[in-house]
Amino acid sequence: MKASEGLFTLYRFDPNDKKRDPEKLLAKIPQNLLGEDLLLAMSISRGRMAGFMWGDALVRWEIAGKQLRLVTPELRYVRKPGQPVSEAVERTYNDSFMAAVPIVGMTQQGDPIIDLEPLLKSDLAGVTSVASGRIQPELSTWRTVKTFPDNVLIDVDMAVGGKRGGQQVGITYGFRRLPKLGAYSPRRADPRVGYFLTAKMDWSKKYNERENFDRYIHRWKLEK
């Protein structure tokens, strides 16, 4: 298989080799990337609602036995270690995971290798809500597969079958390392101004405080 090195090392057979499956796509996740927060962005690139940003999440890779899990950390609830309520918050609001796939191999350095088909040729993005039917991975194909030092871009022609035939929906997945904050700092929300925001419940605040939520406006780090 041909290797393309980047954030993940991707392995594919030469598409001109008729004896090999061109849809076989493996990924090696570096050991030092396990547990690191990444941005996963998903968009609809073709088909109904093409061009829509369909979803994004903060994720991290974690090994669980013979599986590699794509975990979404719990960020809504803030706790301060050492406080009486801290352990209760940790037990109640724990991390969840979006998917889990078998580890098909492990390098001598401890880098897990996974097959990306059961992960990305699935309804991970939740597109069946607009393309009613069932995902058919055996009819879905990779359209674009690129890996770079800080991000991975994979575009899939997803086959969605229904009672009367089926349709193709293009789904683009982007895994990206988080940028360094630099001079960026969160900005607290003001109820007098309308904008999108993220709210966090801070359990470390005193019970008699008027407000237990910290609200921050959504900001974009735009650089030329």
Foldseek 3Di string as FASTA:
>chain_A
DDWDDAQWIKDADDPVPPVDDRQWIKTWHDPVQAPAWKKKWKAWCDDPPHPGGQDIATWGWDDDPQKIFTKGFDDQEAEDPPDPCRVVCPVPRGIDTLDIFGFPDADPNGTTMTTCLVPPQACSSVCCVPFPAHWDSVPKGWDDWDHHHFKTKTKIQIWGADPPGTHTIIMIIMIGHDDDQVPDDWDWDDVVDDADKRKHFYPHDDPPDPDRITITGDDDDDDD
